[in-house]
């Protein structure tokens, strides 16, 4: 199974605690992580919780999302890839989320993270 397929099938719920842990280690909060996810995906607290409870994989998680039109403003390198150049949509969306959580952990303001 190639790397893309592995990411597609990975459940969002399995990665979500790592996002929170990464943020909290740097003095940020779960609420901020959730706000980033809501901004990126259009989900709210209830729909996010439903995806976590049903262990939705990343492919479905992003397929059912209303991706924020400002995602094109997310640029830079994450995991060795320029996010704006990733051709696989699902992988790109996963990397967008990684990048936003990374910015949170690096102390960026929420306004900047959410491309305000």
PDB file of N, CA and C in Angstrom:
ATOM      1  N   UNK A   1       0.855  -1.185   0.000  1.00  0.00           N
ATOM      2  CA  UNK A   1       0.000   0.000   0.000  1.00  0.00           C
ATOM      3  C   UNK A   1       0.893   1.238   0.000  1.00  0.00           C
ATOM      4  N   UNK A   2       0.656   2.143  -0.933  1.00  0.00           N
ATOM      5  CA  UNK A   2       1.507   3.327  -0.952  1.00  0.00           C
ATOM      6  C   UNK A   2       1.120   4.303   0.155  1.00  0.00           C
ATOM      7  N   UNK A   3       1.947   5.297   0.331  1.00  0.00           N
ATOM      8  CA  UNK A   3       1.787   6.251   1.411  1.00  0.00           C
ATOM      9  C   UNK A   3       0.437   6.966   1.369  1.00  0.00           C
ATOM     10  N   UNK A   4      -0.014   7.359   0.165  1.00  0.00           N
ATOM     11  CA  UNK A   4      -1.282   8.063   0.029  1.00  0.00           C
ATOM     12  C   UNK A   4      -2.426   7.211   0.544  1.00  0.00           C
ATOM     13  N   UNK A   5      -2.454   5.951   0.123  1.00  0.00           N
ATOM     14  CA  UNK A   5      -3.538   5.065   0.549  1.00  0.00           C
ATOM     15  C   UNK A   5      -3.563   4.894   2.061  1.00  0.00           C
ATOM     16  N   UNK A   6      -2.388   4.855   2.667  1.00  0.00           N
ATOM     17  CA  UNK A   6      -2.326   4.710   4.113  1.00  0.00           C
ATOM     18  C   UNK A   6      -2.952   5.922   4.800  1.00  0.00           C
ATOM     19  N   UNK A   7      -2.641   7.104   4.307  1.00  0.00           N
ATOM     20  CA  UNK A   7      -3.204   8.326   4.876  1.00  0.00           C
ATOM     21  C   UNK A   7      -4.716   8.360   4.656  1.00  0.00           C
ATOM     22  N   UNK A   8      -5.169   7.997   3.471  1.00  0.00           N
ATOM     23  CA  UNK A   8      -6.605   7.984   3.158  1.00  0.00           C
ATOM     24  C   UNK A   8      -7.382   7.167   4.174  1.00  0.00           C
ATOM     25  N   UNK A   9      -6.810   6.018   4.537  1.00  0.00           N
ATOM     26  CA  UNK A   9      -7.530   5.059   5.391  1.00  0.00           C
ATOM     27  C   UNK A   9      -7.339   5.325   6.883  1.00  0.00           C
ATOM     28  N   UNK A  10      -6.392   6.184   7.234  1.00  0.00           N
ATOM     29  CA  UNK A  10      -6.137   6.491   8.637  1.00  0.00           C
ATOM     30  C   UNK A  10      -7.342   7.227   9.209  1.00  0.00           C
ATOM     31  N   UNK A  11      -7.745   6.869  10.405  1.00  0.00           N
ATOM     32  CA  UNK A  11      -8.907   7.555  10.968  1.00  0.00           C
ATOM     33  C   UNK A  11      -8.487   8.901  11.530  1.00  0.00           C
ATOM     34  N   UNK A  12      -9.345   9.886  11.314  1.00  0.00           N
ATOM     35  CA  UNK A  12      -9.093  11.220  11.856  1.00  0.00           C
ATOM     36  C   UNK A  12      -8.973  11.130  13.377  1.00  0.00           C
ATOM     37  N   UNK A  13      -9.819  10.300  13.991  1.00  0.00           N
ATOM     38  CA  UNK A  13      -9.819  10.160  15.457  1.00  0.00           C
ATOM     39  C   UNK A  13      -8.473   9.681  15.994  1.00  0.00           C
ATOM     40  N   UNK A  14      -7.730   8.921  15.200  1.00  0.00           N
ATOM     41  CA  UNK A  14      -6.437   8.410  15.670  1.00  0.00           C
ATOM     42  C   UNK A  14      -5.362   9.495  15.676  1.00  0.00           C
ATOM     43  N   UNK A  15      -5.546  10.538  14.868  1.00  0.00           N
ATOM     44  CA  UNK A  15      -4.552  11.595  14.753  1.00  0.00           C
ATOM     45  C   UNK A  15      -4.922  12.818  15.596  1.00  0.00           C
ATOM     46  N   UNK A  16      -6.200  13.032  15.781  1.00  0.00           N
ATOM     47  CA  UNK A  16      -6.718  14.187  16.512  1.00  0.00           C
ATOM     48  C   UNK A  16      -6.038  14.406  17.874  1.00  0.00           C
ATOM     49  N   UNK A  17      -5.891  13.358  18.705  1.00  0.00           N
ATOM     50  CA  UNK A  17      -5.220  13.581  20.011  1.00  0.00           C
ATOM     51  C   UNK A  17      -3.785  14.091  19.864  1.00  0.00           C
ATOM     52  N   UNK A  18      -3.117  13.720  18.771  1.00  0.00           N
ATOM     53  CA  UNK A  18      -1.745  14.177  18.539  1.00  0.00           C
ATOM     54  C   UNK A  18      -1.720  15.674  18.222  1.00  0.00           C
ATOM     55  N   UNK A  19      -2.727  16.137  17.491  1.00  0.00           N
ATOM     56  CA  UNK A  19      -2.828  17.576  17.219  1.00  0.00           C
ATOM     57  C   UNK A  19      -2.969  18.338  18.537  1.00  0.00           C
ATOM     58  N   UNK A  20      -3.847  17.832  19.392  1.00  0.00           N
ATOM     59  CA  UNK A  20      -4.099  18.499  20.682  1.00  0.00           C
ATOM     60  C   UNK A  20      -2.841  18.468  21.542  1.00  0.00           C
ATOM     61  N   UNK A  21      -2.206  17.305  21.588  1.00  0.00           N
ATOM     62  CA  UNK A  21      -0.982  17.144  22.386  1.00  0.00           C
ATOM     63  C   UNK A  21       0.108  18.108  21.908  1.00  0.00           C
ATOM     64  N   UNK A  22       0.275  18.208  20.598  1.00  0.00           N
ATOM     65  CA  UNK A  22       1.299  19.086  20.027  1.00  0.00           C
ATOM     66  C   UNK A  22       1.024  20.539  20.428  1.00  0.00           C
ATOM     67  N   UNK A  23      -0.235  20.939  20.360  1.00  0.00           N
ATOM     68  CA  UNK A  23      -0.622  22.313  20.711  1.00  0.00           C
ATOM     69  C   UNK A  23      -0.424  22.562  22.210  1.00  0.00           C
ATOM     70  N   UNK A  24      -0.897  21.628  23.038  1.00  0.00           N
ATOM     71  CA  UNK A  24      -0.839  21.812  24.492  1.00  0.00           C
ATOM     72  C   UNK A  24       0.592  21.832  25.008  1.00  0.00           C
ATOM     73  N   UNK A  25       1.474  21.082  24.348  1.00  0.00           N
ATOM     74  CA  UNK A  25       2.885  21.089  24.745  1.00  0.00           C
ATOM     75  C   UNK A  25       3.485  22.481  24.609  1.00  0.00           C
ATOM     76  N   UNK A  26       2.908  23.273  23.708  1.00  0.00           N
ATOM     77  CA  UNK A  26       3.410  24.624  23.455  1.00  0.00           C
ATOM     78  C   UNK A  26       2.509  25.686  24.090  1.00  0.00           C
ATOM     79  N   UNK A  27       1.662  25.258  25.039  1.00  0.00           N
ATOM     80  CA  UNK A  27       0.832  26.220  25.767  1.00  0.00           C
ATOM     81  C   UNK A  27      -0.416  26.674  25.038  1.00  0.00           C
ATOM     82  N   UNK A  28      -0.789  25.968  23.968  1.00  0.00           N
ATOM     83  CA  UNK A  28      -2.026  26.297  23.251  1.00  0.00           C
ATOM     84  C   UNK A  28      -3.116  25.348  23.732  1.00  0.00           C
ATOM     85  N   UNK A  29      -4.333  25.493  23.208  1.00  0.00           N
ATOM     86  CA  UNK A  29      -5.459  24.735  23.768  1.00  0.00           C
ATOM     87  C   UNK A  29      -6.176  23.865  22.739  1.00  0.00           C
ATOM     88  N   UNK A  30      -6.923  22.899  23.252  1.00  0.00           N
ATOM     89  CA  UNK A  30      -7.781  22.054  22.423  1.00  0.00           C
ATOM     90  C   UNK A  30      -8.794  22.932  21.689  1.00  0.00           C
ATOM     91  N   UNK A  31      -9.307  23.958  22.381  1.00  0.00           N
ATOM     92  CA  UNK A  31     -10.287  24.861  21.752  1.00  0.00           C
ATOM     93  C   UNK A  31      -9.689  25.523  20.515  1.00  0.00           C
ATOM     94  N   UNK A  32      -8.405  25.885  20.574  1.00  0.00           N
ATOM     95  CA  UNK A  32      -7.752  26.495  19.413  1.00  0.00           C
ATOM     96  C   UNK A  32      -7.579  25.477  18.289  1.00  0.00           C
ATOM     97  N   UNK A  33      -7.228  24.243  18.650  1.00  0.00           N
ATOM     98  CA  UNK A  33      -7.119  23.170  17.645  1.00  0.00           C
ATOM     99  C   UNK A  33      -8.472  22.995  16.958  1.00  0.00           C
ATOM    100  N   UNK A  34      -9.536  22.931  17.770  1.00  0.00           N
ATOM    101  CA  UNK A  34     -10.884  22.761  17.209  1.00  0.00           C
ATOM    102  C   UNK A  34     -11.257  23.928  16.306  1.00  0.00           C
ATOM    103  N   UNK A  35     -10.924  25.146  16.728  1.00  0.00           N
ATOM    104  CA  UNK A  35     -11.238  26.329  15.925  1.00  0.00           C
ATOM    105  C   UNK A  35     -10.570  26.250  14.555  1.00  0.00           C
ATOM    106  N   UNK A  36      -9.330  25.771  14.527  1.00  0.00           N
ATOM    107  CA  UNK A  36      -8.607  25.584  13.259  1.00  0.00           C
ATOM    108  C   UNK A  36      -9.323  24.555  12.396  1.00  0.00           C
ATOM    109  N   UNK A  37      -9.713  23.446  13.006  1.00  0.00           N
ATOM    110  CA  UNK A  37     -10.410  22.385  12.257  1.00  0.00           C
ATOM    111  C   UNK A  37     -11.745  22.915  11.728  1.00  0.00           C
ATOM    112  N   UNK A  38     -12.484  23.664  12.566  1.00  0.00           N
ATOM    113  CA  UNK A  38     -13.771  24.228  12.124  1.00  0.00           C
ATOM    114  C   UNK A  38     -13.547  25.168  10.938  1.00  0.00           C
ATOM    115  N   UNK A  39     -12.509  26.011  11.038  1.00  0.00           N
ATOM    116  CA  UNK A  39     -12.212  26.972   9.968  1.00  0.00           C
ATOM    117  C   UNK A  39     -11.889  26.243   8.659  1.00  0.00           C
ATOM    118  N   UNK A  40     -11.048  25.218   8.760  1.00  0.00           N
ATOM    119  CA  UNK A  40     -10.597  24.506   7.569  1.00  0.00           C
ATOM    120  C   UNK A  40     -11.714  23.685   6.931  1.00  0.00           C
ATOM    121  N   UNK A  41     -12.526  23.022   7.762  1.00  0.00           N
ATOM    122  CA  UNK A  41     -13.466  22.015   7.249  1.00  0.00           C
ATOM    123  C   UNK A  41     -14.924  22.450   7.213  1.00  0.00           C
ATOM    124  N   UNK A  42     -15.250  23.518   7.932  1.00  0.00           N
ATOM    125  CA  UNK A  42     -16.657  23.909   8.015  1.00  0.00           C
ATOM    126  C   UNK A  42     -17.442  23.081   9.026  1.00  0.00           C
ATOM    127  N   UNK A  43     -16.786  22.135   9.687  1.00  0.00           N
ATOM    128  CA  UNK A  43     -17.471  21.355  10.715  1.00  0.00           C
ATOM    129  C   UNK A  43     -17.704  22.228  11.943  1.00  0.00           C
ATOM    130  N   UNK A  44     -18.631  21.777  12.782  1.00  0.00           N
ATOM    131  CA  UNK A  44     -18.832  22.415  14.076  1.00  0.00           C
ATOM    132  C   UNK A  44     -18.555  21.365  15.150  1.00  0.00           C
ATOM    133  N   UNK A  45     -18.782  21.733  16.401  1.00  0.00           N
ATOM    134  CA  UNK A  45     -18.453  20.818  17.494  1.00  0.00           C
ATOM    135  C   UNK A  45     -19.158  19.470  17.339  1.00  0.00           C
ATOM    136  N   UNK A  46     -20.438  19.525  16.988  1.00  0.00           N
ATOM    137  CA  UNK A  46     -21.223  18.291  16.874  1.00  0.00           C
ATOM    138  C   UNK A  46     -20.756  17.423  15.700  1.00  0.00           C
ATOM    139  N   UNK A  47     -20.585  18.023  14.527  1.00  0.00           N
ATOM    140  CA  UNK A  47     -20.196  17.214  13.365  1.00  0.00           C
ATOM    141  C   UNK A  47     -18.768  16.683  13.528  1.00  0.00           C
ATOM    142  N   UNK A  48     -17.891  17.476  14.143  1.00  0.00           N
ATOM    143  CA  UNK A  48     -16.531  16.993  14.404  1.00  0.00           C
ATOM    144  C   UNK A  48     -16.579  15.789  15.340  1.00  0.00           C
ATOM    145  N   UNK A  49     -17.368  15.897  16.404  1.00  0.00           N
ATOM    146  CA  UNK A  49     -17.482  14.793  17.365  1.00  0.00           C
ATOM    147  C   UNK A  49     -18.040  13.539  16.703  1.00  0.00           C
ATOM    148  N   UNK A  50     -18.986  13.708  15.786  1.00  0.00           N
ATOM    149  CA  UNK A  50     -19.551  12.557  15.062  1.00  0.00           C
ATOM    150  C   UNK A  50     -18.464  11.850  14.250  1.00  0.00           C
ATOM    151  N   UNK A  51     -17.595  12.627  13.599  1.00  0.00           N
ATOM    152  CA  UNK A  51     -16.498  12.032  12.831  1.00  0.00           C
ATOM    153  C   UNK A  51     -15.520  11.308  13.752  1.00  0.00           C
ATOM    154  N   UNK A  52     -15.268  11.872  14.917  1.00  0.00           N
ATOM    155  CA  UNK A  52     -14.362  11.230  15.876  1.00  0.00           C
ATOM    156  C   UNK A  52     -14.985   9.926  16.381  1.00  0.00           C
ATOM    157  N   UNK A  53     -16.270   9.997  16.768  1.00  0.00           N
ATOM    158  CA  UNK A  53     -16.960   8.815  17.309  1.00  0.00           C
ATOM    159  C   UNK A  53     -17.055   7.688  16.288  1.00  0.00           C
ATOM    160  N   UNK A  54     -17.274   8.042  15.024  1.00  0.00           N
ATOM    161  CA  UNK A  54     -17.418   6.991  14.008  1.00  0.00           C
ATOM    162  C   UNK A  54     -16.085   6.621  13.351  1.00  0.00           C
ATOM    163  N   UNK A  55     -14.997   7.214  13.869  1.00  0.00           N
ATOM    164  CA  UNK A  55     -13.647   6.895  13.380  1.00  0.00           C
ATOM    165  C   UNK A  55     -13.540   7.042  11.858  1.00  0.00           C
ATOM    166  N   UNK A  56     -14.095   8.126  11.361  1.00  0.00           N
ATOM    167  CA  UNK A  56     -14.045   8.448   9.936  1.00  0.00           C
ATOM    168  C   UNK A  56     -12.600   8.502   9.449  1.00  0.00           C
ATOM    169  N   UNK A  57     -12.352   7.920   8.275  1.00  0.00           N
ATOM    170  CA  UNK A  57     -10.992   8.034   7.738  1.00  0.00           C
ATOM    171  C   UNK A  57     -10.808   9.414   7.098  1.00  0.00           C
ATOM    172  N   UNK A  58      -9.537   9.773   6.839  1.00  0.00           N
ATOM    173  CA  UNK A  58      -9.238  11.107   6.312  1.00  0.00           C
ATOM    174  C   UNK A  58      -9.923  11.371   4.972  1.00  0.00           C
ATOM    175  N   UNK A  59      -9.994  10.340   4.142  1.00  0.00           N
ATOM    176  CA  UNK A  59     -10.613  10.518   2.826  1.00  0.00           C
ATOM    177  C   UNK A  59     -12.057  11.007   2.977  1.00  0.00           C
ATOM    178  N   UNK A  60     -12.833  10.334   3.822  1.00  0.00           N
ATOM    179  CA  UNK A  60     -14.231  10.701   4.056  1.00  0.00           C
ATOM    180  C   UNK A  60     -14.329  12.006   4.833  1.00  0.00           C
ATOM    181  N   UNK A  61     -13.451  12.165   5.819  1.00  0.00           N
ATOM    182  CA  UNK A  61     -13.443  13.378   6.648  1.00  0.00           C
ATOM    183  C   UNK A  61     -13.359  14.625   5.766  1.00  0.00           C
ATOM    184  N   UNK A  62     -12.454  14.607   4.784  1.00  0.00           N
ATOM    185  CA  UNK A  62     -12.298  15.773   3.915  1.00  0.00           C
ATOM    186  C   UNK A  62     -13.327  15.797   2.788  1.00  0.00           C
ATOM    187  N   UNK A  63     -13.785  14.626   2.340  1.00  0.00           N
ATOM    188  CA  UNK A  63     -14.798  14.586   1.280  1.00  0.00           C
ATOM    189  C   UNK A  63     -16.110  15.215   1.760  1.00  0.00           C
ATOM    190  N   UNK A  64     -16.419  15.067   3.045  1.00  0.00           N
ATOM    191  CA  UNK A  64     -17.671  15.592   3.599  1.00  0.00           C
ATOM    192  C   UNK A  64     -17.523  17.017   4.134  1.00  0.00           C
ATOM    193  N   UNK A  65     -16.312  17.541   4.110  1.00  0.00           N
ATOM    194  CA  UNK A  65     -16.054  18.890   4.630  1.00  0.00           C
ATOM    195  C   UNK A  65     -16.408  19.962   3.595  1.00  0.00           C
ATOM    196  N   UNK A  66     -16.671  21.151   4.102  1.00  0.00           N
ATOM    197  CA  UNK A  66     -16.810  22.344   3.248  1.00  0.00           C
ATOM    198  C   UNK A  66     -15.491  23.103   3.399  1.00  0.00           C
ATOM    199  N   UNK A  67     -14.524  22.789   2.547  1.00  0.00           N
ATOM    200  CA  UNK A  67     -13.178  23.348   2.701  1.00  0.00           C
ATOM    201  C   UNK A  67     -13.217  24.871   2.529  1.00  0.00           C
ATOM    202  N   UNK A  68     -12.570  25.546   3.462  1.00  0.00           N
ATOM    203  CA  UNK A  68     -12.539  27.005   3.468  1.00  0.00           C
ATOM    204  C   UNK A  68     -11.935  27.528   2.156  1.00  0.00           C
ATOM    205  N   UNK A  69     -12.584  28.500   1.524  1.00  0.00           N
ATOM    206  CA  UNK A  69     -12.055  29.027   0.258  1.00  0.00           C
ATOM    207  C   UNK A  69     -10.684  29.708   0.405  1.00  0.00           C
ATOM    208  N   UNK A  70     -10.309  30.063   1.632  1.00  0.00           N
ATOM    209  CA  UNK A  70      -9.017  30.714   1.845  1.00  0.00           C
ATOM    210  C   UNK A  70      -7.848  29.745   2.008  1.00  0.00           C
ATOM    211  N   UNK A  71      -8.068  28.450   1.774  1.00  0.00           N
ATOM    212  CA  UNK A  71      -6.956  27.497   1.930  1.00  0.00           C
ATOM    213  C   UNK A  71      -5.809  27.800   0.977  1.00  0.00           C
ATOM    214  N   UNK A  72      -6.105  28.465  -0.118  1.00  0.00           N
ATOM    215  CA  UNK A  72      -5.022  28.788  -1.054  1.00  0.00           C
ATOM    216  C   UNK A  72      -4.003  29.733  -0.428  1.00  0.00           C
ATOM    217  N   UNK A  73      -4.379  30.377   0.674  1.00  0.00           N
ATOM    218  CA  UNK A  73      -3.451  31.268   1.386  1.00  0.00           C
ATOM    219  C   UNK A  73      -2.493  30.484   2.288  1.00  0.00           C
ATOM    220  N   UNK A  74      -2.746  29.197   2.439  1.00  0.00           N
ATOM    221  CA  UNK A  74      -1.852  28.364   3.251  1.00  0.00           C
ATOM    222  C   UNK A  74      -0.701  27.929   2.347  1.00  0.00           C
ATOM    223  N   UNK A  75       0.491  28.428   2.643  1.00  0.00           N
ATOM    224  CA  UNK A  75       1.648  28.094   1.821  1.00  0.00           C
ATOM    225  C   UNK A  75       2.807  27.726   2.731  1.00  0.00           C
ATOM    226  N   UNK A  76       3.830  27.149   2.145  1.00  0.00           N
ATOM    227  CA  UNK A  76       5.013  26.799   2.920  1.00  0.00           C
ATOM    228  C   UNK A  76       5.269  25.311   2.903  1.00  0.00           C
ATOM    229  N   UNK A  77       6.255  24.911   3.675  1.00  0.00           N
ATOM    230  CA  UNK A  77       6.701  23.526   3.666  1.00  0.00           C
ATOM    231  C   UNK A  77       6.251  22.820   4.939  1.00  0.00           C
ATOM    232  N   UNK A  78       5.722  21.617   4.756  1.00  0.00           N
ATOM    233  CA  UNK A  78       5.385  20.755   5.904  1.00  0.00           C
ATOM    234  C   UNK A  78       5.787  19.337   5.516  1.00  0.00           C
ATOM    235  N   UNK A  79       6.478  18.658   6.395  1.00  0.00           N
ATOM    236  CA  UNK A  79       6.941  17.292   6.135  1.00  0.00           C
ATOM    237  C   UNK A  79       7.741  17.215   4.823  1.00  0.00           C
ATOM    238  N   UNK A  80       8.465  18.286   4.516  1.00  0.00           N
ATOM    239  CA  UNK A  80       9.313  18.279   3.319  1.00  0.00           C
ATOM    240  C   UNK A  80       8.609  18.591   2.009  1.00  0.00           C
ATOM    241  N   UNK A  81       7.322  18.910   2.059  1.00  0.00           N
ATOM    242  CA  UNK A  81       6.569  19.215   0.834  1.00  0.00           C
ATOM    243  C   UNK A  81       6.018  20.628   0.901  1.00  0.00           C
ATOM    244  N   UNK A  82       6.020  21.322  -0.234  1.00  0.00           N
ATOM    245  CA  UNK A  82       5.338  22.624  -0.316  1.00  0.00           C
ATOM    246  C   UNK A  82       3.848  22.332  -0.429  1.00  0.00           C
ATOM    247  N   UNK A  83       3.068  22.771   0.553  1.00  0.00           N
ATOM    248  CA  UNK A  83       1.646  22.406   0.570  1.00  0.00           C
ATOM    249  C   UNK A  83       0.907  22.871  -0.675  1.00  0.00           C
ATOM    250  N   UNK A  84       1.294  24.023  -1.212  1.00  0.00           N
ATOM    251  CA  UNK A  84       0.566  24.534  -2.369  1.00  0.00           C
ATOM    252  C   UNK A  84       0.840  23.744  -3.643  1.00  0.00           C
ATOM    253  N   UNK A  85       1.850  22.865  -3.621  1.00  0.00           N
ATOM    254  CA  UNK A  85       2.204  22.090  -4.814  1.00  0.00           C
ATOM    255  C   UNK A  85       1.773  20.623  -4.739  1.00  0.00           C
ATOM    256  N   UNK A  86       1.155  20.221  -3.653  1.00  0.00           N
ATOM    257  CA  UNK A  86       0.725  18.815  -3.524  1.00  0.00           C
ATOM    258  C   UNK A  86      -0.484  18.597  -4.434  1.00  0.00           C
ATOM    259  N   UNK A  87      -0.375  17.624  -5.325  1.00  0.00           N
ATOM    260  CA  UNK A  87      -1.431  17.415  -6.319  1.00  0.00           C
ATOM    261  C   UNK A  87      -2.592  16.586  -5.792  1.00  0.00           C
ATOM    262  N   UNK A  88      -2.315  15.645  -4.913  1.00  0.00           N
ATOM    263  CA  UNK A  88      -3.373  14.802  -4.355  1.00  0.00           C
ATOM    264  C   UNK A  88      -4.189  15.642  -3.360  1.00  0.00           C
ATOM    265  N   UNK A  89      -5.464  15.846  -3.667  1.00  0.00           N
ATOM    266  CA  UNK A  89      -6.311  16.737  -2.860  1.00  0.00           C
ATOM    267  C   UNK A  89      -6.402  16.317  -1.400  1.00  0.00           C
ATOM    268  N   UNK A  90      -6.626  15.036  -1.143  1.00  0.00           N
ATOM    269  CA  UNK A  90      -6.770  14.577   0.245  1.00  0.00           C
ATOM    270  C   UNK A  90      -5.467  14.780   1.005  1.00  0.00           C
ATOM    271  N   UNK A  91      -4.366  14.382   0.397  1.00  0.00           N
ATOM    272  CA  UNK A  91      -3.058  14.561   1.042  1.00  0.00           C
ATOM    273  C   UNK A  91      -2.811  16.051   1.287  1.00  0.00           C
ATOM    274  N   UNK A  92      -3.148  16.864   0.306  1.00  0.00           N
ATOM    275  CA  UNK A  92      -2.958  18.308   0.457  1.00  0.00           C
ATOM    276  C   UNK A  92      -3.783  18.837   1.634  1.00  0.00           C
ATOM    277  N   UNK A  93      -5.007  18.380   1.773  1.00  0.00           N
ATOM    278  CA  UNK A  93      -5.865  18.853   2.866  1.00  0.00           C
ATOM    279  C   UNK A  93      -5.345  18.389   4.224  1.00  0.00           C
ATOM    280  N   UNK A  94      -4.840  17.157   4.279  1.00  0.00           N
ATOM    281  CA  UNK A  94      -4.222  16.663   5.515  1.00  0.00           C
ATOM    282  C   UNK A  94      -3.017  17.542   5.857  1.00  0.00           C
ATOM    283  N   UNK A  95      -2.216  17.859   4.863  1.00  0.00           N
ATOM    284  CA  UNK A  95      -1.024  18.701   5.084  1.00  0.00           C
ATOM    285  C   UNK A  95      -1.398  20.126   5.454  1.00  0.00           C
ATOM    286  N   UNK A  96      -2.491  20.654   4.884  1.00  0.00           N
ATOM    287  CA  UNK A  96      -2.981  21.972   5.312  1.00  0.00           C
ATOM    288  C   UNK A  96      -3.234  21.951   6.819  1.00  0.00           C
ATOM    289  N   UNK A  97      -3.930  20.910   7.261  1.00  0.00           N
ATOM    290  CA  UNK A  97      -4.241  20.806   8.684  1.00  0.00           C
ATOM    291  C   UNK A  97      -2.960  20.683   9.501  1.00  0.00           C
ATOM    292  N   UNK A  98      -2.029  19.844   9.049  1.00  0.00           N
ATOM    293  CA  UNK A  98      -0.736  19.711   9.736  1.00  0.00           C
ATOM    294  C   UNK A  98      -0.054  21.072   9.857  1.00  0.00           C
ATOM    295  N   UNK A  99      -0.069  21.818   8.762  1.00  0.00           N
ATOM    296  CA  UNK A  99       0.606  23.115   8.714  1.00  0.00           C
ATOM    297  C   UNK A  99      -0.035  24.102   9.696  1.00  0.00           C
ATOM    298  N   UNK A 100      -1.354  24.132   9.737  1.00  0.00           N
ATOM    299  CA  UNK A 100      -2.055  25.048  10.640  1.00  0.00           C
ATOM    300  C   UNK A 100      -1.773  24.700  12.101  1.00  0.00           C
ATOM    301  N   UNK A 101      -1.775  23.402  12.417  1.00  0.00           N
ATOM    302  CA  UNK A 101      -1.478  22.972  13.792  1.00  0.00           C
ATOM    303  C   UNK A 101      -0.026  23.317  14.135  1.00  0.00           C
ATOM    304  N   UNK A 102       0.850  23.150  13.167  1.00  0.00           N
ATOM    305  CA  UNK A 102       2.258  23.508  13.332  1.00  0.00           C
ATOM    306  C   UNK A 102       2.408  24.997  13.657  1.00  0.00           C
ATOM    307  N   UNK A 103       1.690  25.823  12.916  1.00  0.00           N
ATOM    308  CA  UNK A 103       1.746  27.268  13.162  1.00  0.00           C
ATOM    309  C   UNK A 103       1.228  27.608  14.554  1.00  0.00           C
ATOM    310  N   UNK A 104       0.188  26.906  14.984  1.00  0.00           N
ATOM    311  CA  UNK A 104      -0.351  27.102  16.335  1.00  0.00           C
ATOM    312  C   UNK A 104       0.723  26.785  17.366  1.00  0.00           C
ATOM    313  N   UNK A 105       1.371  25.630  17.185  1.00  0.00           N
ATOM    314  CA  UNK A 105       2.410  25.200  18.132  1.00  0.00           C
ATOM    315  C   UNK A 105       3.610  26.152  18.116  1.00  0.00           C
ATOM    316  N   UNK A 106       3.820  26.823  17.000  1.00  0.00           N
ATOM    317  CA  UNK A 106       4.952  27.762  16.912  1.00  0.00           C
ATOM    318  C   UNK A 106       4.600  29.137  17.463  1.00  0.00           C
ATOM    319  N   UNK A 107       3.375  29.297  17.962  1.00  0.00           N
ATOM    320  CA  UNK A 107       3.011  30.532  18.634  1.00  0.00           C
ATOM    321  C   UNK A 107       2.391  31.611  17.761  1.00  0.00           C
ATOM    322  N   UNK A 108       2.030  31.272  16.529  1.00  0.00           N
ATOM    323  CA  UNK A 108       1.370  32.272  15.672  1.00  0.00           C
ATOM    324  C   UNK A 108       0.006  32.640  16.256  1.00  0.00           C
ATOM    325  N   UNK A 109      -0.436  33.866  15.986  1.00  0.00           N
ATOM    326  CA  UNK A 109      -1.756  34.294  16.465  1.00  0.00           C
ATOM    327  C   UNK A 109      -2.836  33.572  15.660  1.00  0.00           C
ATOM    328  N   UNK A 110      -3.991  33.375  16.288  1.00  0.00           N
ATOM    329  CA  UNK A 110      -5.094  32.709  15.602  1.00  0.00           C
ATOM    330  C   UNK A 110      -5.500  33.486  14.352  1.00  0.00           C
ATOM    331  N   UNK A 111      -5.447  34.808  14.414  1.00  0.00           N
ATOM    332  CA  UNK A 111      -5.820  35.607  13.248  1.00  0.00           C
ATOM    333  C   UNK A 111      -4.943  35.280  12.050  1.00  0.00           C
ATOM    334  N   UNK A 112      -3.628  35.135  12.304  1.00  0.00           N
ATOM    335  CA  UNK A 112      -2.714  34.803  11.208  1.00  0.00           C
ATOM    336  C   UNK A 112      -2.925  33.372  10.728  1.00  0.00           C
ATOM    337  N   UNK A 113      -3.117  32.455  11.684  1.00  0.00           N
ATOM    338  CA  UNK A 113      -3.322  31.044  11.324  1.00  0.00           C
ATOM    339  C   UNK A 113      -4.557  30.907  10.450  1.00  0.00           C
ATOM    340  N   UNK A 114      -5.635  31.615  10.823  1.00  0.00           N
ATOM    341  CA  UNK A 114      -6.900  31.521  10.091  1.00  0.00           C
ATOM    342  C   UNK A 114      -6.946  32.491   8.918  1.00  0.00           C
ATOM    343  N   UNK A 115      -5.763  32.942   8.516  1.00  0.00           N
ATOM    344  CA  UNK A 115      -5.609  33.765   7.323  1.00  0.00           C
ATOM    345  C   UNK A 115      -6.553  34.955   7.344  1.00  0.00           C
ATOM    346  N   UNK A 116      -6.628  35.623   8.525  1.00  0.00           N
ATOM    347  CA  UNK A 116      -7.547  36.751   8.730  1.00  0.00           C
ATOM    348  C   UNK A 116      -7.106  38.026   8.068  1.00  0.00           C
TER     349      UNK A 116
END
